[in-house]
Structures are given as C-alpha cells and as structure tokens.
Amino acid sequence: MTSVPTQIIDLKSLPAVNCPCGVARRAFSDNANFPGTVHLTDIHLDAKAHFHREHTEIYVILSCDADAKMELDGVQHAIQPLSAILIPPGVKHRAIGKMQVLIICSPDFDPKDENF
C-alpha cells in the first residue's frame, strides 16, 4: 500500500488573491491526491455575479452579516453561519453582504472558468 502524505495548511497564512467575490486564500491546488481546491474567502459587499462551466463549488458560510444572502440564478436566499450551498456548473451566483466562506471547488480551481 502506498502511503499518501497528509498536508496541514494554515489557510490564513496563504497569500491573498483578488477574485470576483473579494479576497481568496487557496489551498491544495498542487496536491495530486485531492481533485479540487479549498478557498478561505472574505467576501466584500460588491461581489460580482458569475458562473463556472466546469467547476462545482460548495460554499460553507463561516460568518456573515445578519442580512447576508446568496443569489443563485437571480433568486436571493437568506443565509446564516454554517449554511452550506452546493453550486453546480452553469449556476450564476454571487454573495450579497459581508461574509467569510470556505469554498470547496472541484476540479482544481482555474480562474479561466470564471464567466460573467
């Protein structure tokens, strides 16, 4: 049996990258044993609606303003901390309000798959 090395990453220590939603810190893109990436994302109030042709995303809301929402294909949904949202390819989405989310993206995140 081949031993797969474990990996522990402090998400807060990763470099911050600007994205349509705010600022993301992305982990595990270089790990061949995991078919995706994990992003700690601080969402700003001006998140841009976008969709992915290839990526499925799961948003886990870690913290958010009381009036925060997720817009999915034009419909706004109230959210709260520890809500989880599965967003399949093709669904136009954006976060509304200030929040911190953990995003699990499969396959590996590719900024070329951000469509507006």
PDB file of N, CA and C in Angstrom:
ATOM      1  N   MET A   1       0.844  -1.171   0.000  1.00  0.00           N
ATOM      2  CA  MET A   1       0.000   0.000   0.000  1.00  0.00           C
ATOM      3  C   MET A   1       0.895   1.242   0.000  1.00  0.00           C
ATOM      4  N   THR A   2       0.598   2.172  -0.904  1.00  0.00           N
ATOM      5  CA  THR A   2       1.352   3.412  -0.975  1.00  0.00           C
ATOM      6  C   THR A   2       0.804   4.386   0.039  1.00  0.00           C
ATOM      7  N   SER A   3       1.710   4.990   0.767  1.00  0.00           N
ATOM      8  CA  SER A   3       1.304   5.973   1.765  1.00  0.00           C
ATOM      9  C   SER A   3       1.180   7.346   1.109  1.00  0.00           C
ATOM     10  N   VAL A   4       0.009   7.949   1.264  1.00  0.00           N
ATOM     11  CA  VAL A   4      -0.224   9.296   0.749  1.00  0.00           C
ATOM     12  C   VAL A   4       0.075  10.273   1.880  1.00  0.00           C
ATOM     13  N   PRO A   5       0.967  11.227   1.634  1.00  0.00           N
ATOM     14  CA  PRO A   5       1.291  12.162   2.721  1.00  0.00           C
ATOM     15  C   PRO A   5       0.106  13.062   3.063  1.00  0.00           C
ATOM     16  N   THR A   6      -0.035  13.325   4.337  1.00  0.00           N
ATOM     17  CA  THR A   6      -1.055  14.275   4.765  1.00  0.00           C
ATOM     18  C   THR A   6      -0.497  15.685   4.622  1.00  0.00           C
ATOM     19  N   GLN A   7      -1.379  16.643   4.610  1.00  0.00           N
ATOM     20  CA  GLN A   7      -0.963  18.023   4.448  1.00  0.00           C
ATOM     21  C   GLN A   7      -1.786  18.878   5.386  1.00  0.00           C
ATOM     22  N   ILE A   8      -1.129  19.697   6.162  1.00  0.00           N
ATOM     23  CA  ILE A   8      -1.813  20.631   7.058  1.00  0.00           C
ATOM     24  C   ILE A   8      -1.418  22.034   6.620  1.00  0.00           C
ATOM     25  N   ILE A   9      -2.433  22.850   6.347  1.00  0.00           N
ATOM     26  CA  ILE A   9      -2.181  24.202   5.873  1.00  0.00           C
ATOM     27  C   ILE A   9      -2.962  25.179   6.741  1.00  0.00           C
ATOM     28  N   ASP A  10      -2.285  26.229   7.182  1.00  0.00           N
ATOM     29  CA  ASP A  10      -2.954  27.322   7.868  1.00  0.00           C
ATOM     30  C   ASP A  10      -3.494  28.244   6.782  1.00  0.00           C
ATOM     31  N   LEU A  11      -4.791  28.185   6.531  1.00  0.00           N
ATOM     32  CA  LEU A  11      -5.392  28.949   5.440  1.00  0.00           C
ATOM     33  C   LEU A  11      -5.112  30.450   5.562  1.00  0.00           C
ATOM     34  N   LYS A  12      -5.055  30.959   6.794  1.00  0.00           N
ATOM     35  CA  LYS A  12      -4.809  32.390   6.986  1.00  0.00           C
ATOM     36  C   LYS A  12      -3.407  32.797   6.547  1.00  0.00           C
ATOM     37  N   SER A  13      -2.476  31.833   6.469  1.00  0.00           N
ATOM     38  CA  SER A  13      -1.091  32.160   6.108  1.00  0.00           C
ATOM     39  C   SER A  13      -0.855  32.166   4.592  1.00  0.00           C
ATOM     40  N   LEU A  14      -1.828  31.708   3.815  1.00  0.00           N
ATOM     41  CA  LEU A  14      -1.670  31.668   2.358  1.00  0.00           C
ATOM     42  C   LEU A  14      -1.779  33.068   1.770  1.00  0.00           C
ATOM     43  N   PRO A  15      -1.149  33.298   0.614  1.00  0.00           N
ATOM     44  CA  PRO A  15      -1.256  34.629   0.003  1.00  0.00           C
ATOM     45  C   PRO A  15      -2.682  34.940  -0.414  1.00  0.00           C
ATOM     46  N   ALA A  16      -3.073  36.186  -0.208  1.00  0.00           N
ATOM     47  CA  ALA A  16      -4.405  36.643  -0.593  1.00  0.00           C
ATOM     48  C   ALA A  16      -4.418  37.000  -2.068  1.00  0.00           C
ATOM     49  N   VAL A  17      -5.464  36.530  -2.769  1.00  0.00           N
ATOM     50  CA  VAL A  17      -5.621  36.774  -4.203  1.00  0.00           C
ATOM     51  C   VAL A  17      -6.977  37.437  -4.424  1.00  0.00           C
ATOM     52  N   ASN A  18      -7.000  38.520  -5.185  1.00  0.00           N
ATOM     53  CA  ASN A  18      -8.277  39.155  -5.516  1.00  0.00           C
ATOM     54  C   ASN A  18      -9.084  38.243  -6.431  1.00  0.00           C
ATOM     55  N   CYS A  19     -10.395  38.191  -6.199  1.00  0.00           N
ATOM     56  CA  CYS A  19     -11.298  37.377  -7.011  1.00  0.00           C
ATOM     57  C   CYS A  19     -12.599  38.167  -7.187  1.00  0.00           C
ATOM     58  N   PRO A  20     -13.537  37.704  -8.024  1.00  0.00           N
ATOM     59  CA  PRO A  20     -14.790  38.455  -8.226  1.00  0.00           C
ATOM     60  C   PRO A  20     -15.597  38.660  -6.949  1.00  0.00           C
ATOM     61  N   CYS A  21     -15.341  37.843  -5.939  1.00  0.00           N
ATOM     62  CA  CYS A  21     -16.105  37.931  -4.693  1.00  0.00           C
ATOM     63  C   CYS A  21     -15.430  38.776  -3.624  1.00  0.00           C
ATOM     64  N   GLY A  22     -14.133  38.923  -3.705  1.00  0.00           N
ATOM     65  CA  GLY A  22     -13.399  39.634  -2.665  1.00  0.00           C
ATOM     66  C   GLY A  22     -11.941  39.214  -2.666  1.00  0.00           C
ATOM     67  N   VAL A  23     -11.533  38.528  -1.592  1.00  0.00           N
ATOM     68  CA  VAL A  23     -10.151  38.081  -1.447  1.00  0.00           C
ATOM     69  C   VAL A  23     -10.150  36.615  -1.034  1.00  0.00           C
ATOM     70  N   ALA A  24      -9.418  35.790  -1.786  1.00  0.00           N
ATOM     71  CA  ALA A  24      -9.375  34.343  -1.524  1.00  0.00           C
ATOM     72  C   ALA A  24      -7.970  33.904  -1.143  1.00  0.00           C
ATOM     73  N   ARG A  25      -7.901  32.875  -0.328  1.00  0.00           N
ATOM     74  CA  ARG A  25      -6.651  32.184   0.011  1.00  0.00           C
ATOM     75  C   ARG A  25      -6.885  30.729  -0.368  1.00  0.00           C
ATOM     76  N   ARG A  26      -6.154  30.247  -1.376  1.00  0.00           N
ATOM     77  CA  ARG A  26      -6.451  28.950  -1.994  1.00  0.00           C
ATOM     78  C   ARG A  26      -5.425  27.888  -1.610  1.00  0.00           C
ATOM     79  N   ALA A  27      -5.949  26.711  -1.232  1.00  0.00           N
ATOM     80  CA  ALA A  27      -5.090  25.613  -0.783  1.00  0.00           C
ATOM     81  C   ALA A  27      -5.299  24.358  -1.617  1.00  0.00           C
ATOM     82  N   PHE A  28      -4.282  23.536  -1.658  1.00  0.00           N
ATOM     83  CA  PHE A  28      -4.275  22.179  -2.221  1.00  0.00           C
ATOM     84  C   PHE A  28      -4.299  22.110  -3.747  1.00  0.00           C
ATOM     85  N   SER A  29      -4.066  23.216  -4.431  1.00  0.00           N
ATOM     86  CA  SER A  29      -4.049  23.166  -5.896  1.00  0.00           C
ATOM     87  C   SER A  29      -2.885  22.338  -6.424  1.00  0.00           C
ATOM     88  N   ASP A  30      -1.869  22.152  -5.614  1.00  0.00           N
ATOM     89  CA  ASP A  30      -0.692  21.395  -6.043  1.00  0.00           C
ATOM     90  C   ASP A  30      -0.693  19.958  -5.517  1.00  0.00           C
ATOM     91  N   ASN A  31      -1.816  19.503  -4.974  1.00  0.00           N
ATOM     92  CA  ASN A  31      -1.887  18.162  -4.396  1.00  0.00           C
ATOM     93  C   ASN A  31      -2.599  17.214  -5.366  1.00  0.00           C
ATOM     94  N   ALA A  32      -1.836  16.302  -5.961  1.00  0.00           N
ATOM     95  CA  ALA A  32      -2.387  15.365  -6.946  1.00  0.00           C
ATOM     96  C   ALA A  32      -3.364  14.373  -6.321  1.00  0.00           C
ATOM     97  N   ASN A  33      -3.384  14.247  -4.995  1.00  0.00           N
ATOM     98  CA  ASN A  33      -4.261  13.290  -4.325  1.00  0.00           C
ATOM     99  C   ASN A  33      -5.636  13.853  -3.993  1.00  0.00           C
ATOM    100  N   PHE A  34      -5.842  15.146  -4.263  1.00  0.00           N
ATOM    101  CA  PHE A  34      -7.133  15.770  -3.982  1.00  0.00           C
ATOM    102  C   PHE A  34      -7.628  16.436  -5.255  1.00  0.00           C
ATOM    103  N   PRO A  35      -8.785  16.045  -5.753  1.00  0.00           N
ATOM    104  CA  PRO A  35      -9.282  16.565  -7.035  1.00  0.00           C
ATOM    105  C   PRO A  35     -10.011  17.899  -6.909  1.00  0.00           C
ATOM    106  N   GLY A  36      -9.412  18.835  -6.203  1.00  0.00           N
ATOM    107  CA  GLY A  36     -10.066  20.126  -6.034  1.00  0.00           C
ATOM    108  C   GLY A  36      -9.194  21.076  -5.244  1.00  0.00           C
ATOM    109  N   THR A  37      -9.790  22.185  -4.857  1.00  0.00           N
ATOM    110  CA  THR A  37      -9.108  23.181  -4.044  1.00  0.00           C
ATOM    111  C   THR A  37     -10.035  23.651  -2.932  1.00  0.00           C
ATOM    112  N   VAL A  38      -9.446  24.224  -1.903  1.00  0.00           N
ATOM    113  CA  VAL A  38     -10.187  24.771  -0.774  1.00  0.00           C
ATOM    114  C   VAL A  38      -9.795  26.234  -0.653  1.00  0.00           C
ATOM    115  N   HIS A  39     -10.793  27.113  -0.568  1.00  0.00           N
ATOM    116  CA  HIS A  39     -10.542  28.548  -0.524  1.00  0.00           C
ATOM    117  C   HIS A  39     -11.154  29.151   0.739  1.00  0.00           C
ATOM    118  N   LEU A  40     -10.358  29.906   1.466  1.00  0.00           N
ATOM    119  CA  LEU A  40     -10.885  30.746   2.531  1.00  0.00           C
ATOM    120  C   LEU A  40     -11.091  32.108   1.889  1.00  0.00           C
ATOM    121  N   THR A  41     -12.342  32.545   1.783  1.00  0.00           N
ATOM    122  CA  THR A  41     -12.655  33.760   1.024  1.00  0.00           C
ATOM    123  C   THR A  41     -13.392  34.767   1.895  1.00  0.00           C
ATOM    124  N   ASP A  42     -12.869  35.981   1.906  1.00  0.00           N
ATOM    125  CA  ASP A  42     -13.538  37.109   2.544  1.00  0.00           C
ATOM    126  C   ASP A  42     -14.306  37.831   1.449  1.00  0.00           C
ATOM    127  N   ILE A  43     -15.624  37.806   1.561  1.00  0.00           N
ATOM    128  CA  ILE A  43     -16.475  38.377   0.530  1.00  0.00           C
ATOM    129  C   ILE A  43     -16.787  39.821   0.871  1.00  0.00           C
ATOM    130  N   HIS A  44     -16.597  40.666  -0.121  1.00  0.00           N
ATOM    131  CA  HIS A  44     -16.877  42.089   0.021  1.00  0.00           C
ATOM    132  C   HIS A  44     -18.329  42.354  -0.341  1.00  0.00           C
ATOM    133  N   LEU A  45     -18.757  43.533  -0.127  1.00  0.00           N
ATOM    134  CA  LEU A  45     -20.143  43.886  -0.419  1.00  0.00           C
ATOM    135  C   LEU A  45     -20.440  43.937  -1.913  1.00  0.00           C
ATOM    136  N   ASP A  46     -19.394  44.020  -2.740  1.00  0.00           N
ATOM    137  CA  ASP A  46     -19.592  44.197  -4.178  1.00  0.00           C
ATOM    138  C   ASP A  46     -19.253  42.939  -4.981  1.00  0.00           C
ATOM    139  N   ALA A  47     -19.580  41.776  -4.461  1.00  0.00           N
ATOM    140  CA  ALA A  47     -19.288  40.529  -5.182  1.00  0.00           C
ATOM    141  C   ALA A  47     -19.975  40.537  -6.544  1.00  0.00           C
ATOM    142  N   LYS A  48     -19.277  40.057  -7.557  1.00  0.00           N
ATOM    143  CA  LYS A  48     -19.806  40.062  -8.926  1.00  0.00           C
ATOM    144  C   LYS A  48     -20.475  38.728  -9.246  1.00  0.00           C
ATOM    145  N   ALA A  49     -21.633  38.788  -9.877  1.00  0.00           N
ATOM    146  CA  ALA A  49     -22.322  37.566 -10.309  1.00  0.00           C
ATOM    147  C   ALA A  49     -21.478  36.894 -11.388  1.00  0.00           C
ATOM    148  N   HIS A  50     -21.311  35.578 -11.255  1.00  0.00           N
ATOM    149  CA  HIS A  50     -20.515  34.816 -12.212  1.00  0.00           C
ATOM    150  C   HIS A  50     -20.973  33.359 -12.197  1.00  0.00           C
ATOM    151  N   PHE A  51     -20.474  32.595 -13.152  1.00  0.00           N
ATOM    152  CA  PHE A  51     -20.761  31.160 -13.178  1.00  0.00           C
ATOM    153  C   PHE A  51     -19.520  30.440 -13.680  1.00  0.00           C
ATOM    154  N   HIS A  52     -19.529  29.128 -13.487  1.00  0.00           N
ATOM    155  CA  HIS A  52     -18.427  28.278 -13.930  1.00  0.00           C
ATOM    156  C   HIS A  52     -18.980  27.237 -14.888  1.00  0.00           C
ATOM    157  N   ARG A  53     -18.281  26.987 -15.957  1.00  0.00           N
ATOM    158  CA  ARG A  53     -18.698  25.949 -16.908  1.00  0.00           C
ATOM    159  C   ARG A  53     -18.268  24.564 -16.438  1.00  0.00           C
ATOM    160  N   GLU A  54     -17.149  24.487 -15.726  1.00  0.00           N
ATOM    161  CA  GLU A  54     -16.562  23.201 -15.335  1.00  0.00           C
ATOM    162  C   GLU A  54     -16.629  22.929 -13.837  1.00  0.00           C
ATOM    163  N   HIS A  55     -16.559  23.963 -13.021  1.00  0.00           N
ATOM    164  CA  HIS A  55     -16.398  23.777 -11.582  1.00  0.00           C
ATOM    165  C   HIS A  55     -17.725  23.621 -10.848  1.00  0.00           C
ATOM    166  N   THR A  56     -17.722  22.718  -9.884  1.00  0.00           N
ATOM    167  CA  THR A  56     -18.761  22.654  -8.869  1.00  0.00           C
ATOM    168  C   THR A  56     -18.162  23.266  -7.614  1.00  0.00           C
ATOM    169  N   GLU A  57     -18.941  24.093  -6.920  1.00  0.00           N
ATOM    170  CA  GLU A  57     -18.452  24.709  -5.689  1.00  0.00           C
ATOM    171  C   GLU A  57     -19.414  24.407  -4.548  1.00  0.00           C
ATOM    172  N   ILE A  58     -18.833  24.257  -3.376  1.00  0.00           N
ATOM    173  CA  ILE A  58     -19.614  24.199  -2.144  1.00  0.00           C
ATOM    174  C   ILE A  58     -19.153  25.377  -1.302  1.00  0.00           C
ATOM    175  N   TYR A  59     -20.097  26.255  -0.972  1.00  0.00           N
ATOM    176  CA  TYR A  59     -19.822  27.383  -0.081  1.00  0.00           C
ATOM    177  C   TYR A  59     -20.264  26.969   1.315  1.00  0.00           C
ATOM    178  N   VAL A  60     -19.378  27.075   2.289  1.00  0.00           N
ATOM    179  CA  VAL A  60     -19.731  26.895   3.693  1.00  0.00           C
ATOM    180  C   VAL A  60     -19.572  28.264   4.341  1.00  0.00           C
ATOM    181  N   ILE A  61     -20.658  28.808   4.835  1.00  0.00           N
ATOM    182  CA  ILE A  61     -20.641  30.145   5.424  1.00  0.00           C
ATOM    183  C   ILE A  61     -20.071  30.040   6.835  1.00  0.00           C
ATOM    184  N   LEU A  62     -18.920  30.678   7.050  1.00  0.00           N
ATOM    185  CA  LEU A  62     -18.295  30.656   8.375  1.00  0.00           C
ATOM    186  C   LEU A  62     -18.852  31.780   9.252  1.00  0.00           C
ATOM    187  N   SER A  63     -18.979  32.967   8.670  1.00  0.00           N
ATOM    188  CA  SER A  63     -19.564  34.101   9.378  1.00  0.00           C
ATOM    189  C   SER A  63     -20.173  35.022   8.330  1.00  0.00           C
ATOM    190  N   CYS A  64     -21.195  35.795   8.757  1.00  0.00           N
ATOM    191  CA  CYS A  64     -21.832  36.706   7.808  1.00  0.00           C
ATOM    192  C   CYS A  64     -22.652  37.740   8.560  1.00  0.00           C
ATOM    193  N   ASP A  65     -22.918  38.847   7.853  1.00  0.00           N
ATOM    194  CA  ASP A  65     -23.824  39.855   8.387  1.00  0.00           C
ATOM    195  C   ASP A  65     -25.222  39.247   8.502  1.00  0.00           C
ATOM    196  N   ALA A  66     -26.041  39.806   9.374  1.00  0.00           N
ATOM    197  CA  ALA A  66     -27.391  39.274   9.615  1.00  0.00           C
ATOM    198  C   ALA A  66     -28.261  39.304   8.368  1.00  0.00           C
ATOM    199  N   ASP A  67     -28.020  40.257   7.466  1.00  0.00           N
ATOM    200  CA  ASP A  67     -28.848  40.362   6.267  1.00  0.00           C
ATOM    201  C   ASP A  67     -28.177  39.780   5.016  1.00  0.00           C
ATOM    202  N   ALA A  68     -27.147  38.971   5.200  1.00  0.00           N
ATOM    203  CA  ALA A  68     -26.413  38.385   4.065  1.00  0.00           C
ATOM    204  C   ALA A  68     -27.292  37.408   3.290  1.00  0.00           C
ATOM    205  N   LYS A  69     -27.011  37.344   1.986  1.00  0.00           N
ATOM    206  CA  LYS A  69     -27.781  36.448   1.106  1.00  0.00           C
ATOM    207  C   LYS A  69     -26.849  35.827   0.070  1.00  0.00           C
ATOM    208  N   MET A  70     -27.315  34.759  -0.542  1.00  0.00           N
ATOM    209  CA  MET A  70     -26.676  34.162  -1.700  1.00  0.00           C
ATOM    210  C   MET A  70     -27.670  34.269  -2.831  1.00  0.00           C
ATOM    211  N   GLU A  71     -27.221  34.792  -3.968  1.00  0.00           N
ATOM    212  CA  GLU A  71     -28.067  34.877  -5.147  1.00  0.00           C
ATOM    213  C   GLU A  71     -27.681  33.741  -6.089  1.00  0.00           C
ATOM    214  N   LEU A  72     -28.660  32.907  -6.426  1.00  0.00           N
ATOM    215  CA  LEU A  72     -28.461  31.751  -7.293  1.00  0.00           C
ATOM    216  C   LEU A  72     -29.422  31.863  -8.463  1.00  0.00           C
ATOM    217  N   ASP A  73     -28.884  32.038  -9.660  1.00  0.00           N
ATOM    218  CA  ASP A  73     -29.703  32.233 -10.866  1.00  0.00           C
ATOM    219  C   ASP A  73     -30.783  33.294 -10.658  1.00  0.00           C
ATOM    220  N   GLY A  74     -30.384  34.418 -10.043  1.00  0.00           N
ATOM    221  CA  GLY A  74     -31.282  35.553  -9.881  1.00  0.00           C
ATOM    222  C   GLY A  74     -32.191  35.512  -8.670  1.00  0.00           C
ATOM    223  N   VAL A  75     -32.216  34.411  -7.925  1.00  0.00           N
ATOM    224  CA  VAL A  75     -33.079  34.286  -6.744  1.00  0.00           C
ATOM    225  C   VAL A  75     -32.212  34.436  -5.493  1.00  0.00           C
ATOM    226  N   GLN A  76     -32.597  35.359  -4.605  1.00  0.00           N
ATOM    227  CA  GLN A  76     -31.844  35.590  -3.376  1.00  0.00           C
ATOM    228  C   GLN A  76     -32.336  34.667  -2.262  1.00  0.00           C
ATOM    229  N   HIS A  77     -31.363  34.104  -1.542  1.00  0.00           N
ATOM    230  CA  HIS A  77     -31.649  33.178  -0.441  1.00  0.00           C
ATOM    231  C   HIS A  77     -30.959  33.693   0.814  1.00  0.00           C
ATOM    232  N   ALA A  78     -31.695  33.762   1.924  1.00  0.00           N
ATOM    233  CA  ALA A  78     -31.104  34.147   3.203  1.00  0.00           C
ATOM    234  C   ALA A  78     -30.132  33.052   3.647  1.00  0.00           C
ATOM    235  N   ILE A  79     -29.035  33.471   4.249  1.00  0.00           N
ATOM    236  CA  ILE A  79     -28.054  32.508   4.757  1.00  0.00           C
ATOM    237  C   ILE A  79     -27.718  32.869   6.194  1.00  0.00           C
ATOM    238  N   GLN A  80     -27.054  31.949   6.842  1.00  0.00           N
ATOM    239  CA  GLN A  80     -26.583  32.159   8.208  1.00  0.00           C
ATOM    240  C   GLN A  80     -25.300  31.366   8.382  1.00  0.00           C
ATOM    241  N   PRO A  81     -24.537  31.652   9.434  1.00  0.00           N
ATOM    242  CA  PRO A  81     -23.313  30.878   9.656  1.00  0.00           C
ATOM    243  C   PRO A  81     -23.605  29.379   9.696  1.00  0.00           C
ATOM    244  N   LEU A  82     -22.729  28.632   9.075  1.00  0.00           N
ATOM    245  CA  LEU A  82     -22.752  27.172   8.941  1.00  0.00           C
ATOM    246  C   LEU A  82     -23.791  26.678   7.951  1.00  0.00           C
ATOM    247  N   SER A  83     -24.320  27.576   7.116  1.00  0.00           N
ATOM    248  CA  SER A  83     -25.096  27.143   5.953  1.00  0.00           C
ATOM    249  C   SER A  83     -24.106  26.577   4.943  1.00  0.00           C
ATOM    250  N   ALA A  84     -24.518  25.583   4.182  1.00  0.00           N
ATOM    251  CA  ALA A  84     -23.700  25.026   3.103  1.00  0.00           C
ATOM    252  C   ALA A  84     -24.526  25.069   1.824  1.00  0.00           C
ATOM    253  N   ILE A  85     -23.888  25.511   0.731  1.00  0.00           N
ATOM    254  CA  ILE A  85     -24.590  25.697  -0.532  1.00  0.00           C
ATOM    255  C   ILE A  85     -23.816  24.984  -1.634  1.00  0.00           C
ATOM    256  N   LEU A  86     -24.453  24.052  -2.321  1.00  0.00           N
ATOM    257  CA  LEU A  86     -23.849  23.352  -3.453  1.00  0.00           C
ATOM    258  C   LEU A  86     -24.215  24.111  -4.725  1.00  0.00           C
ATOM    259  N   ILE A  87     -23.191  24.522  -5.487  1.00  0.00           N
ATOM    260  CA  ILE A  87     -23.416  25.302  -6.705  1.00  0.00           C
ATOM    261  C   ILE A  87     -22.844  24.529  -7.890  1.00  0.00           C
ATOM    262  N   PRO A  88     -23.711  23.893  -8.689  1.00  0.00           N
ATOM    263  CA  PRO A  88     -23.241  23.123  -9.841  1.00  0.00           C
ATOM    264  C   PRO A  88     -22.784  24.042 -10.977  1.00  0.00           C
ATOM    265  N   PRO A  89     -22.061  23.490 -11.952  1.00  0.00           N
ATOM    266  CA  PRO A  89     -21.665  24.292 -13.120  1.00  0.00           C
ATOM    267  C   PRO A  89     -22.892  24.912 -13.778  1.00  0.00           C
ATOM    268  N   GLY A  90     -22.704  26.139 -14.288  1.00  0.00           N
ATOM    269  CA  GLY A  90     -23.767  26.823 -15.013  1.00  0.00           C
ATOM    270  C   GLY A  90     -24.669  27.697 -14.171  1.00  0.00           C
ATOM    271  N   VAL A  91     -24.625  27.570 -12.843  1.00  0.00           N
ATOM    272  CA  VAL A  91     -25.487  28.374 -11.981  1.00  0.00           C
ATOM    273  C   VAL A  91     -24.801  29.714 -11.722  1.00  0.00           C
ATOM    274  N   LYS A  92     -25.445  30.806 -12.156  1.00  0.00           N
ATOM    275  CA  LYS A  92     -24.914  32.144 -11.921  1.00  0.00           C
ATOM    276  C   LYS A  92     -25.130  32.472 -10.446  1.00  0.00           C
ATOM    277  N   HIS A  93     -24.062  32.922  -9.789  1.00  0.00           N
ATOM    278  CA  HIS A  93     -24.151  33.136  -8.352  1.00  0.00           C
ATOM    279  C   HIS A  93     -23.320  34.325  -7.897  1.00  0.00           C
ATOM    280  N   ARG A  94     -23.740  34.860  -6.748  1.00  0.00           N
ATOM    281  CA  ARG A  94     -22.973  35.895  -6.072  1.00  0.00           C
ATOM    282  C   ARG A  94     -23.417  35.967  -4.628  1.00  0.00           C
ATOM    283  N   ALA A  95     -22.487  36.371  -3.796  1.00  0.00           N
ATOM    284  CA  ALA A  95     -22.785  36.594  -2.394  1.00  0.00           C
ATOM    285  C   ALA A  95     -23.168  38.056  -2.224  1.00  0.00           C
ATOM    286  N   ILE A  96     -24.146  38.305  -1.356  1.00  0.00           N
ATOM    287  CA  ILE A  96     -24.606  39.661  -1.081  1.00  0.00           C
ATOM    288  C   ILE A  96     -24.396  39.918   0.403  1.00  0.00           C
ATOM    289  N   GLY A  97     -23.577  40.887   0.710  1.00  0.00           N
ATOM    290  CA  GLY A  97     -23.258  41.203   2.099  1.00  0.00           C
ATOM    291  C   GLY A  97     -21.867  40.727   2.453  1.00  0.00           C
ATOM    292  N   LYS A  98     -21.397  41.201   3.553  1.00  0.00           N
ATOM    293  CA  LYS A  98     -20.052  40.858   4.016  1.00  0.00           C
ATOM    294  C   LYS A  98     -20.097  39.491   4.700  1.00  0.00           C
ATOM    295  N   MET A  99     -19.153  38.622   4.315  1.00  0.00           N
ATOM    296  CA  MET A  99     -19.108  37.285   4.919  1.00  0.00           C
ATOM    297  C   MET A  99     -17.748  36.640   4.721  1.00  0.00           C
ATOM    298  N   GLN A 100     -17.475  35.622   5.488  1.00  0.00           N
ATOM    299  CA  GLN A 100     -16.294  34.786   5.287  1.00  0.00           C
ATOM    300  C   GLN A 100     -16.804  33.384   5.002  1.00  0.00           C
ATOM    301  N   VAL A 101     -16.299  32.799   3.910  1.00  0.00           N
ATOM    302  CA  VAL A 101     -16.765  31.477   3.495  1.00  0.00           C
ATOM    303  C   VAL A 101     -15.580  30.562   3.230  1.00  0.00           C
ATOM    304  N   LEU A 102     -15.840  29.294   3.373  1.00  0.00           N
ATOM    305  CA  LEU A 102     -14.912  28.253   2.941  1.00  0.00           C
ATOM    306  C   LEU A 102     -15.522  27.686   1.668  1.00  0.00           C
ATOM    307  N   ILE A 103     -14.772  27.729   0.571  1.00  0.00           N
ATOM    308  CA  ILE A 103     -15.275  27.227  -0.707  1.00  0.00           C
ATOM    309  C   ILE A 103     -14.480  25.989  -1.085  1.00  0.00           C
ATOM    310  N   ILE A 104     -15.188  24.910  -1.347  1.00  0.00           N
ATOM    311  CA  ILE A 104     -14.567  23.679  -1.839  1.00  0.00           C
ATOM    312  C   ILE A 104     -14.912  23.607  -3.316  1.00  0.00           C
ATOM    313  N   CYS A 105     -13.894  23.561  -4.147  1.00  0.00           N
ATOM    314  CA  CYS A 105     -14.065  23.636  -5.594  1.00  0.00           C
ATOM    315  C   CYS A 105     -13.528  22.358  -6.228  1.00  0.00           C
ATOM    316  N   SER A 106     -14.314  21.776  -7.122  1.00  0.00           N
ATOM    317  CA  SER A 106     -13.891  20.576  -7.833  1.00  0.00           C
ATOM    318  C   SER A 106     -14.283  20.713  -9.299  1.00  0.00           C
ATOM    319  N   PRO A 107     -13.376  20.438 -10.232  1.00  0.00           N
ATOM    320  CA  PRO A 107     -11.974  20.065 -10.032  1.00  0.00           C
ATOM    321  C   PRO A 107     -11.161  21.272  -9.567  1.00  0.00           C
ATOM    322  N   ASP A 108      -9.824  21.157  -9.611  1.00  0.00           N
ATOM    323  CA  ASP A 108      -8.950  22.254  -9.191  1.00  0.00           C
ATOM    324  C   ASP A 108      -9.421  23.575  -9.784  1.00  0.00           C
ATOM    325  N   PHE A 109      -9.443  24.601  -8.964  1.00  0.00           N
ATOM    326  CA  PHE A 109      -9.880  25.921  -9.404  1.00  0.00           C
ATOM    327  C   PHE A 109      -9.002  26.419 -10.558  1.00  0.00           C
ATOM    328  N   ASP A 110      -9.662  27.022 -11.544  1.00  0.00           N
ATOM    329  CA  ASP A 110      -8.984  27.631 -12.676  1.00  0.00           C
ATOM    330  C   ASP A 110      -9.666  28.971 -12.931  1.00  0.00           C
ATOM    331  N   PRO A 111      -8.956  30.099 -12.757  1.00  0.00           N
ATOM    332  CA  PRO A 111      -9.595  31.406 -12.947  1.00  0.00           C
ATOM    333  C   PRO A 111     -10.151  31.604 -14.363  1.00  0.00           C
ATOM    334  N   LYS A 112      -9.727  30.818 -15.320  1.00  0.00           N
ATOM    335  CA  LYS A 112     -10.272  30.921 -16.677  1.00  0.00           C
ATOM    336  C   LYS A 112     -11.723  30.437 -16.735  1.00  0.00           C
ATOM    337  N   ASP A 113     -12.172  29.727 -15.683  1.00  0.00           N
ATOM    338  CA  ASP A 113     -13.545  29.229 -15.644  1.00  0.00           C
ATOM    339  C   ASP A 113     -14.471  30.171 -14.867  1.00  0.00           C
ATOM    340  N   GLU A 114     -14.066  31.433 -14.702  1.00  0.00           N
ATOM    341  CA  GLU A 114     -14.943  32.442 -14.115  1.00  0.00           C
ATOM    342  C   GLU A 114     -15.572  33.211 -15.273  1.00  0.00           C
ATOM    343  N   ASN A 115     -16.861  33.071 -15.433  1.00  0.00           N
ATOM    344  CA  ASN A 115     -17.588  33.671 -16.556  1.00  0.00           C
ATOM    345  C   ASN A 115     -18.619  34.656 -16.011  1.00  0.00           C
ATOM    346  N   PHE A 116     -18.733  35.802 -16.690  1.00  0.00           N
ATOM    347  CA  PHE A 116     -19.609  36.880 -16.213  1.00  0.00           C
ATOM    348  C   PHE A 116     -20.765  37.130 -17.143  1.00  0.00           C
TER     349      PHE A 116
END
